[in-house]
Amino acid sequence: MATLIGVPGIANAQMDHNKMDATQMASMTDGEIRKVDKEAGKVTIKHGEIKNLDMPGMTMIFTAKEKSLLDKVQAGDKVKFAVINDGGKMVVTDILTVK
């Protein structure tokens, strides 16, 4: 019986971890678009610290969650963007140009 009681506890811990990943989207990071590759669904962004991922500022290539996100940006644009770690892949979930 003790084993059966322990199993739901493990399942709940895993579900809580998944909820944490979903809440990462709430954090927006400042950046500047360096390159947009709409065909590949990728964008290069020079960004400040990504606080929700504990990542220092740098320039890196991100995958867009949806290619349509890239329709609203071009190289040189100043942006605020949301990114999540999806199994080790950095995925932009939202992007807004700022003036």
Foldseek 3Di string as FASTA:
>chain_A
DVVVVVVVVVVVVVVVVVVLQVVQQVAKWKWFWAAQDLVQQKTWIQTAQSVSVRRGTGIDMAHEPDSVQRVVDGGGFIKIWGWGQDPNGIYTDHIDTDD
